[in-house]
Amino acid sequence: ALFHCRYTTHGLTILENTHPFRVAGRPN
């Protein structure tokens, strides 16, 4: 598993900016 906790420095504090991300074009 891969865990991340965020401290906002750029952009809004929203779910869309929360890690982990799926790599664009590679859902796996």
PDB file of all heavy atoms in Angstrom:
ATOM      1  N   ALA A   1       0.831  -1.204   0.000  1.00  0.00           N
ATOM      2  CA  ALA A   1       0.000   0.000   0.000  1.00  0.00           C
ATOM      3  C   ALA A   1       0.863   1.251   0.000  1.00  0.00           C
ATOM      4  O   ALA A   1       2.034   1.235   0.405  1.00  0.00           O
ATOM      5  CB  ALA A   1      -0.947  -0.003   1.197  1.00  0.00           C
ATOM      6  N   LEU A   2       0.249   2.345  -0.429  1.00  0.00           N
ATOM      7  CA  LEU A   2       0.907   3.644  -0.542  1.00  0.00           C
ATOM      8  C   LEU A   2       0.034   4.688   0.151  1.00  0.00           C
ATOM      9  O   LEU A   2      -1.111   4.912  -0.243  1.00  0.00           O
ATOM     10  CB  LEU A   2       1.103   3.992  -2.024  1.00  0.00           C
ATOM     11  CG  LEU A   2       1.536   5.404  -2.401  1.00  0.00           C
ATOM     12  CD1 LEU A   2       2.874   5.749  -1.764  1.00  0.00           C
ATOM     13  CD2 LEU A   2       1.611   5.536  -3.920  1.00  0.00           C
ATOM     14  N   PHE A   3       0.571   5.303   1.208  1.00  0.00           N
ATOM     15  CA  PHE A   3      -0.161   6.315   1.979  1.00  0.00           C
ATOM     16  C   PHE A   3       0.486   7.684   1.810  1.00  0.00           C
ATOM     17  O   PHE A   3       1.708   7.802   1.673  1.00  0.00           O
ATOM     18  CB  PHE A   3      -0.169   5.932   3.463  1.00  0.00           C
ATOM     19  CG  PHE A   3      -0.737   6.997   4.355  1.00  0.00           C
ATOM     20  CD1 PHE A   3      -2.111   7.134   4.512  1.00  0.00           C
ATOM     21  CD2 PHE A   3       0.105   7.873   5.029  1.00  0.00           C
ATOM     22  CE1 PHE A   3      -2.637   8.137   5.328  1.00  0.00           C
ATOM     23  CE2 PHE A   3      -0.414   8.873   5.848  1.00  0.00           C
ATOM     24  CZ  PHE A   3      -1.787   9.005   6.005  1.00  0.00           C
ATOM     25  N   HIS A   4      -0.351   8.730   1.835  1.00  0.00           N
ATOM     26  CA  HIS A   4       0.156  10.102   1.753  1.00  0.00           C
ATOM     27  C   HIS A   4      -0.733  11.021   2.577  1.00  0.00           C
ATOM     28  O   HIS A   4      -1.960  10.867   2.604  1.00  0.00           O
ATOM     29  CB  HIS A   4       0.145  10.584   0.290  1.00  0.00           C
ATOM     30  CG  HIS A   4       0.695  11.971   0.091  1.00  0.00           C
ATOM     31  ND1 HIS A   4      -0.059  13.108   0.315  1.00  0.00           N
ATOM     32  CD2 HIS A   4       1.914  12.403  -0.323  1.00  0.00           C
ATOM     33  CE1 HIS A   4       0.684  14.183   0.051  1.00  0.00           C
ATOM     34  NE2 HIS A   4       1.886  13.778  -0.335  1.00  0.00           N
ATOM     35  N   CYS A   5      -0.119  11.954   3.302  1.00  0.00           N
ATOM     36  CA  CYS A   5      -0.870  13.037   3.946  1.00  0.00           C
ATOM     37  C   CYS A   5      -0.299  14.363   3.452  1.00  0.00           C
ATOM     38  O   CYS A   5       0.912  14.512   3.281  1.00  0.00           O
ATOM     39  CB  CYS A   5      -0.838  12.930   5.464  1.00  0.00           C
ATOM     40  SG  CYS A   5       0.779  12.730   6.215  1.00  0.00           S
ATOM     41  N   ARG A   6      -1.202  15.311   3.213  1.00  0.00           N
ATOM     42  CA  ARG A   6      -0.856  16.524   2.469  1.00  0.00           C
ATOM     43  C   ARG A   6      -0.872  17.775   3.336  1.00  0.00           C
ATOM     44  O   ARG A   6      -1.724  17.933   4.211  1.00  0.00           O
ATOM     45  CB  ARG A   6      -1.846  16.714   1.311  1.00  0.00           C
ATOM     46  CG  ARG A   6      -1.588  17.946   0.442  1.00  0.00           C
ATOM     47  CD  ARG A   6      -2.615  18.097  -0.660  1.00  0.00           C
ATOM     48  NE  ARG A   6      -2.323  19.251  -1.487  1.00  0.00           N
ATOM     49  CZ  ARG A   6      -3.204  20.162  -1.858  1.00  0.00           C
ATOM     50  NH1 ARG A   6      -4.477  20.043  -1.479  1.00  0.00           N
ATOM     51  NH2 ARG A   6      -2.850  21.192  -2.608  1.00  0.00           N
ATOM     52  N   TYR A   7       0.080  18.641   3.052  1.00  0.00           N
ATOM     53  CA  TYR A   7       0.089  20.005   3.564  1.00  0.00           C
ATOM     54  C   TYR A   7      -0.006  20.916   2.349  1.00  0.00           C
ATOM     55  O   TYR A   7       0.872  20.910   1.490  1.00  0.00           O
ATOM     56  CB  TYR A   7       1.366  20.298   4.355  1.00  0.00           C
ATOM     57  CG  TYR A   7       1.374  21.650   5.017  1.00  0.00           C
ATOM     58  CD1 TYR A   7       0.892  21.814   6.314  1.00  0.00           C
ATOM     59  CD2 TYR A   7       1.848  22.776   4.337  1.00  0.00           C
ATOM     60  CE1 TYR A   7       0.879  23.050   6.918  1.00  0.00           C
ATOM     61  CE2 TYR A   7       1.833  24.020   4.932  1.00  0.00           C
ATOM     62  CZ  TYR A   7       1.353  24.152   6.225  1.00  0.00           C
ATOM     63  OH  TYR A   7       1.343  25.398   6.816  1.00  0.00           O
ATOM     64  N   THR A   8      -1.069  21.678   2.248  1.00  0.00           N
ATOM     65  CA  THR A   8      -1.333  22.457   1.035  1.00  0.00           C
ATOM     66  C   THR A   8      -0.305  23.568   0.841  1.00  0.00           C
ATOM     67  O   THR A   8      -0.110  24.409   1.721  1.00  0.00           O
ATOM     68  CB  THR A   8      -2.736  23.073   1.090  1.00  0.00           C
ATOM     69  OG1 THR A   8      -3.704  22.027   1.192  1.00  0.00           O
ATOM     70  CG2 THR A   8      -3.015  23.895  -0.166  1.00  0.00           C
ATOM     71  N   THR A   9       0.348  23.560  -0.319  1.00  0.00           N
ATOM     72  CA  THR A   9       1.238  24.658  -0.710  1.00  0.00           C
ATOM     73  C   THR A   9       0.803  25.276  -2.038  1.00  0.00           C
ATOM     74  O   THR A   9       1.049  26.452  -2.275  1.00  0.00           O
ATOM     75  CB  THR A   9       2.690  24.172  -0.843  1.00  0.00           C
ATOM     76  OG1 THR A   9       2.753  23.094  -1.806  1.00  0.00           O
ATOM     77  CG2 THR A   9       3.221  23.676   0.492  1.00  0.00           C
ATOM     78  N   HIS A  10       0.196  24.486  -2.902  1.00  0.00           N
ATOM     79  CA  HIS A  10      -0.285  24.966  -4.202  1.00  0.00           C
ATOM     80  C   HIS A  10      -1.706  24.447  -4.415  1.00  0.00           C
ATOM     81  O   HIS A  10      -2.005  23.297  -4.099  1.00  0.00           O
ATOM     82  CB  HIS A  10       0.599  24.470  -5.347  1.00  0.00           C
ATOM     83  CG  HIS A  10       2.002  24.990  -5.313  1.00  0.00           C
ATOM     84  ND1 HIS A  10       2.977  24.437  -4.518  1.00  0.00           N
ATOM     85  CD2 HIS A  10       2.590  26.020  -5.974  1.00  0.00           C
ATOM     86  CE1 HIS A  10       4.113  25.098  -4.697  1.00  0.00           C
ATOM     87  NE2 HIS A  10       3.913  26.065  -5.579  1.00  0.00           N
ATOM     88  N   GLY A  11      -2.551  25.286  -4.974  1.00  0.00           N
ATOM     89  CA  GLY A  11      -3.907  24.847  -5.277  1.00  0.00           C
ATOM     90  C   GLY A  11      -4.796  24.801  -4.049  1.00  0.00           C
ATOM     91  O   GLY A  11      -4.394  25.150  -2.932  1.00  0.00           O
ATOM     92  N   LEU A  12      -6.016  24.341  -4.271  1.00  0.00           N
ATOM     93  CA  LEU A  12      -7.007  24.304  -3.206  1.00  0.00           C
ATOM     94  C   LEU A  12      -6.903  23.012  -2.386  1.00  0.00           C
ATOM     95  O   LEU A  12      -6.351  22.009  -2.852  1.00  0.00           O
ATOM     96  CB  LEU A  12      -8.410  24.399  -3.805  1.00  0.00           C
ATOM     97  CG  LEU A  12      -8.749  25.670  -4.599  1.00  0.00           C
ATOM     98  CD1 LEU A  12     -10.162  25.571  -5.172  1.00  0.00           C
ATOM     99  CD2 LEU A  12      -8.604  26.910  -3.725  1.00  0.00           C
ATOM    100  N   THR A  13      -7.440  23.064  -1.198  1.00  0.00           N
ATOM    101  CA  THR A  13      -7.534  21.866  -0.368  1.00  0.00           C
ATOM    102  C   THR A  13      -8.832  21.161  -0.723  1.00  0.00           C
ATOM    103  O   THR A  13      -9.876  21.368  -0.103  1.00  0.00           O
ATOM    104  CB  THR A  13      -7.493  22.245   1.127  1.00  0.00           C
ATOM    105  OG1 THR A  13      -6.260  22.935   1.391  1.00  0.00           O
ATOM    106  CG2 THR A  13      -7.568  21.003   2.006  1.00  0.00           C
ATOM    107  N   ILE A  14      -8.750  20.315  -1.743  1.00  0.00           N
ATOM    108  CA  ILE A  14      -9.915  19.596  -2.266  1.00  0.00           C
ATOM    109  C   ILE A  14      -9.500  18.161  -2.559  1.00  0.00           C
ATOM    110  O   ILE A  14      -8.303  17.850  -2.692  1.00  0.00           O
ATOM    111  CB  ILE A  14     -10.479  20.266  -3.542  1.00  0.00           C
ATOM    112  CG1 ILE A  14      -9.379  20.417  -4.601  1.00  0.00           C
ATOM    113  CG2 ILE A  14     -11.100  21.610  -3.211  1.00  0.00           C
ATOM    114  CD1 ILE A  14      -9.850  21.037  -5.916  1.00  0.00           C
ATOM    115  N   LEU A  15     -10.481  17.279  -2.692  1.00  0.00           N
ATOM    116  CA  LEU A  15     -10.174  15.876  -2.944  1.00  0.00           C
ATOM    117  C   LEU A  15      -9.399  15.678  -4.237  1.00  0.00           C
ATOM    118  O   LEU A  15      -8.558  14.777  -4.340  1.00  0.00           O
ATOM    119  CB  LEU A  15     -11.463  15.044  -2.970  1.00  0.00           C
ATOM    120  CG  LEU A  15     -12.143  14.807  -1.623  1.00  0.00           C
ATOM    121  CD1 LEU A  15     -13.472  14.091  -1.821  1.00  0.00           C
ATOM    122  CD2 LEU A  15     -11.240  14.001  -0.694  1.00  0.00           C
ATOM    123  N   GLU A  16      -9.681  16.501  -5.225  1.00  0.00           N
ATOM    124  CA  GLU A  16      -9.016  16.359  -6.528  1.00  0.00           C
ATOM    125  C   GLU A  16      -7.513  16.608  -6.435  1.00  0.00           C
ATOM    126  O   GLU A  16      -6.759  16.213  -7.330  1.00  0.00           O
ATOM    127  CB  GLU A  16      -9.643  17.306  -7.543  1.00  0.00           C
ATOM    128  CG  GLU A  16     -11.056  16.919  -7.969  1.00  0.00           C
ATOM    129  CD  GLU A  16     -12.113  17.371  -6.972  1.00  0.00           C
ATOM    130  OE1 GLU A  16     -11.758  17.984  -5.937  1.00  0.00           O
ATOM    131  OE2 GLU A  16     -13.310  17.114  -7.230  1.00  0.00           O
ATOM    132  N   ASN A  17      -7.067  17.270  -5.379  1.00  0.00           N
ATOM    133  CA  ASN A  17      -5.635  17.530  -5.196  1.00  0.00           C
ATOM    134  C   ASN A  17      -4.997  16.603  -4.168  1.00  0.00           C
ATOM    135  O   ASN A  17      -3.839  16.786  -3.800  1.00  0.00           O
ATOM    136  CB  ASN A  17      -5.416  18.981  -4.755  1.00  0.00           C
ATOM    137  CG  ASN A  17      -5.653  19.967  -5.879  1.00  0.00           C
ATOM    138  OD1 ASN A  17      -5.537  19.629  -7.058  1.00  0.00           O
ATOM    139  ND2 ASN A  17      -6.007  21.190  -5.528  1.00  0.00           N
ATOM    140  N   THR A  18      -5.757  15.613  -3.711  1.00  0.00           N
ATOM    141  CA  THR A  18      -5.277  14.724  -2.664  1.00  0.00           C
ATOM    142  C   THR A  18      -4.576  13.510  -3.260  1.00  0.00           C
ATOM    143  O   THR A  18      -5.058  12.915  -4.216  1.00  0.00           O
ATOM    144  CB  THR A  18      -6.460  14.281  -1.772  1.00  0.00           C
ATOM    145  OG1 THR A  18      -7.139  15.441  -1.279  1.00  0.00           O
ATOM    146  CG2 THR A  18      -5.974  13.458  -0.601  1.00  0.00           C
ATOM    147  N   HIS A  19      -3.447  13.145  -2.694  1.00  0.00           N
ATOM    148  CA  HIS A  19      -2.675  11.992  -3.124  1.00  0.00           C
ATOM    149  C   HIS A  19      -3.210  10.736  -2.420  1.00  0.00           C
ATOM    150  O   HIS A  19      -3.843  10.851  -1.367  1.00  0.00           O
ATOM    151  CB  HIS A  19      -1.208  12.146  -2.722  1.00  0.00           C
ATOM    152  CG  HIS A  19      -0.575  13.439  -3.104  1.00  0.00           C
ATOM    153  ND1 HIS A  19       0.716  13.526  -3.584  1.00  0.00           N
ATOM    154  CD2 HIS A  19      -1.011  14.722  -3.038  1.00  0.00           C
ATOM    155  CE1 HIS A  19       1.033  14.793  -3.795  1.00  0.00           C
ATOM    156  NE2 HIS A  19      -0.019  15.532  -3.467  1.00  0.00           N
ATOM    157  N   PRO A  20      -2.884   9.559  -2.913  1.00  0.00           N
ATOM    158  CA  PRO A  20      -2.197   9.254  -4.167  1.00  0.00           C
ATOM    159  C   PRO A  20      -3.088   9.530  -5.388  1.00  0.00           C
ATOM    160  O   PRO A  20      -4.311   9.470  -5.298  1.00  0.00           O
ATOM    161  CB  PRO A  20      -1.905   7.750  -4.056  1.00  0.00           C
ATOM    162  CG  PRO A  20      -2.061   7.394  -2.610  1.00  0.00           C
ATOM    163  CD  PRO A  20      -3.096   8.331  -2.097  1.00  0.00           C
ATOM    164  N   PHE A  21      -2.427   9.829  -6.491  1.00  0.00           N
ATOM    165  CA  PHE A  21      -3.094  10.006  -7.778  1.00  0.00           C
ATOM    166  C   PHE A  21      -2.922   8.736  -8.608  1.00  0.00           C
ATOM    167  O   PHE A  21      -1.914   8.049  -8.500  1.00  0.00           O
ATOM    168  CB  PHE A  21      -2.464  11.162  -8.561  1.00  0.00           C
ATOM    169  CG  PHE A  21      -2.646  12.517  -7.957  1.00  0.00           C
ATOM    170  CD1 PHE A  21      -1.746  13.012  -7.018  1.00  0.00           C
ATOM    171  CD2 PHE A  21      -3.714  13.318  -8.328  1.00  0.00           C
ATOM    172  CE1 PHE A  21      -1.905  14.270  -6.468  1.00  0.00           C
ATOM    173  CE2 PHE A  21      -3.883  14.581  -7.791  1.00  0.00           C
ATOM    174  CZ  PHE A  21      -2.979  15.054  -6.852  1.00  0.00           C
ATOM    175  N   ARG A  22      -3.900   8.476  -9.446  1.00  0.00           N
ATOM    176  CA  ARG A  22      -3.664   7.513 -10.525  1.00  0.00           C
ATOM    177  C   ARG A  22      -2.916   8.257 -11.619  1.00  0.00           C
ATOM    178  O   ARG A  22      -3.295   9.376 -11.990  1.00  0.00           O
ATOM    179  CB  ARG A  22      -4.975   6.963 -11.068  1.00  0.00           C
ATOM    180  CG  ARG A  22      -5.757   6.107 -10.062  1.00  0.00           C
ATOM    181  CD  ARG A  22      -7.012   5.542 -10.697  1.00  0.00           C
ATOM    182  NE  ARG A  22      -7.888   4.918  -9.718  1.00  0.00           N
ATOM    183  CZ  ARG A  22      -7.840   3.636  -9.359  1.00  0.00           C
ATOM    184  NH1 ARG A  22      -6.952   2.843  -9.924  1.00  0.00           N
ATOM    185  NH2 ARG A  22      -8.675   3.146  -8.451  1.00  0.00           N
ATOM    186  N   VAL A  23      -1.852   7.649 -12.119  1.00  0.00           N
ATOM    187  CA  VAL A  23      -1.097   8.283 -13.194  1.00  0.00           C
ATOM    188  C   VAL A  23      -2.014   8.464 -14.400  1.00  0.00           C
ATOM    189  O   VAL A  23      -2.737   7.529 -14.789  1.00  0.00           O
ATOM    190  CB  VAL A  23       0.139   7.448 -13.565  1.00  0.00           C
ATOM    191  CG1 VAL A  23       0.822   7.997 -14.809  1.00  0.00           C
ATOM    192  CG2 VAL A  23       1.117   7.406 -12.389  1.00  0.00           C
ATOM    193  N   ALA A  24      -2.015   9.659 -14.947  1.00  0.00           N
ATOM    194  CA  ALA A  24      -2.899   9.982 -16.063  1.00  0.00           C
ATOM    195  C   ALA A  24      -2.728   8.980 -17.197  1.00  0.00           C
ATOM    196  O   ALA A  24      -1.614   8.748 -17.673  1.00  0.00           O
ATOM    197  CB  ALA A  24      -2.613  11.398 -16.562  1.00  0.00           C
ATOM    198  N   GLY A  25      -3.827   8.357 -17.608  1.00  0.00           N
ATOM    199  CA  GLY A  25      -3.802   7.382 -18.689  1.00  0.00           C
ATOM    200  C   GLY A  25      -3.398   5.986 -18.254  1.00  0.00           C
ATOM    201  O   GLY A  25      -3.393   5.070 -19.082  1.00  0.00           O
ATOM    202  N   ARG A  26      -3.087   5.798 -16.958  1.00  0.00           N
ATOM    203  CA  ARG A  26      -2.677   4.476 -16.472  1.00  0.00           C
ATOM    204  C   ARG A  26      -3.390   4.184 -15.148  1.00  0.00           C
ATOM    205  O   ARG A  26      -2.836   4.397 -14.062  1.00  0.00           O
ATOM    206  CB  ARG A  26      -1.161   4.408 -16.298  1.00  0.00           C
ATOM    207  CG  ARG A  26      -0.392   4.528 -17.631  1.00  0.00           C
ATOM    208  CD  ARG A  26       1.068   4.250 -17.431  1.00  0.00           C
ATOM    209  NE  ARG A  26       1.298   2.919 -16.897  1.00  0.00           N
ATOM    210  CZ  ARG A  26       2.501   2.492 -16.472  1.00  0.00           C
ATOM    211  NH1 ARG A  26       3.550   3.295 -16.546  1.00  0.00           N
ATOM    212  NH2 ARG A  26       2.644   1.275 -15.989  1.00  0.00           N
ATOM    213  N   PRO A  27      -4.609   3.725 -15.208  1.00  0.00           N
ATOM    214  CA  PRO A  27      -5.401   3.530 -13.991  1.00  0.00           C
ATOM    215  C   PRO A  27      -4.841   2.483 -13.040  1.00  0.00           C
ATOM    216  O   PRO A  27      -5.234   2.451 -11.866  1.00  0.00           O
ATOM    217  CB  PRO A  27      -6.767   3.092 -14.538  1.00  0.00           C
ATOM    218  CG  PRO A  27      -6.490   2.553 -15.905  1.00  0.00           C
ATOM    219  CD  PRO A  27      -5.354   3.362 -16.434  1.00  0.00           C
ATOM    220  N   ASN A  28      -3.928   1.640 -13.503  1.00  0.00           N
ATOM    221  CA  ASN A  28      -3.342   0.617 -12.644  1.00  0.00           C
ATOM    222  C   ASN A  28      -1.983   1.020 -12.077  1.00  0.00           C
ATOM    223  O   ASN A  28      -1.210   0.159 -11.628  1.00  0.00           O
ATOM    224  CB  ASN A  28      -3.219  -0.710 -13.385  1.00  0.00           C
ATOM    225  CG  ASN A  28      -4.576  -1.384 -13.546  1.00  0.00           C
ATOM    226  OD1 ASN A  28      -5.434  -1.274 -12.669  1.00  0.00           O
ATOM    227  ND2 ASN A  28      -4.761  -2.065 -14.659  1.00  0.00           N
TER     228      ASN A  28
END
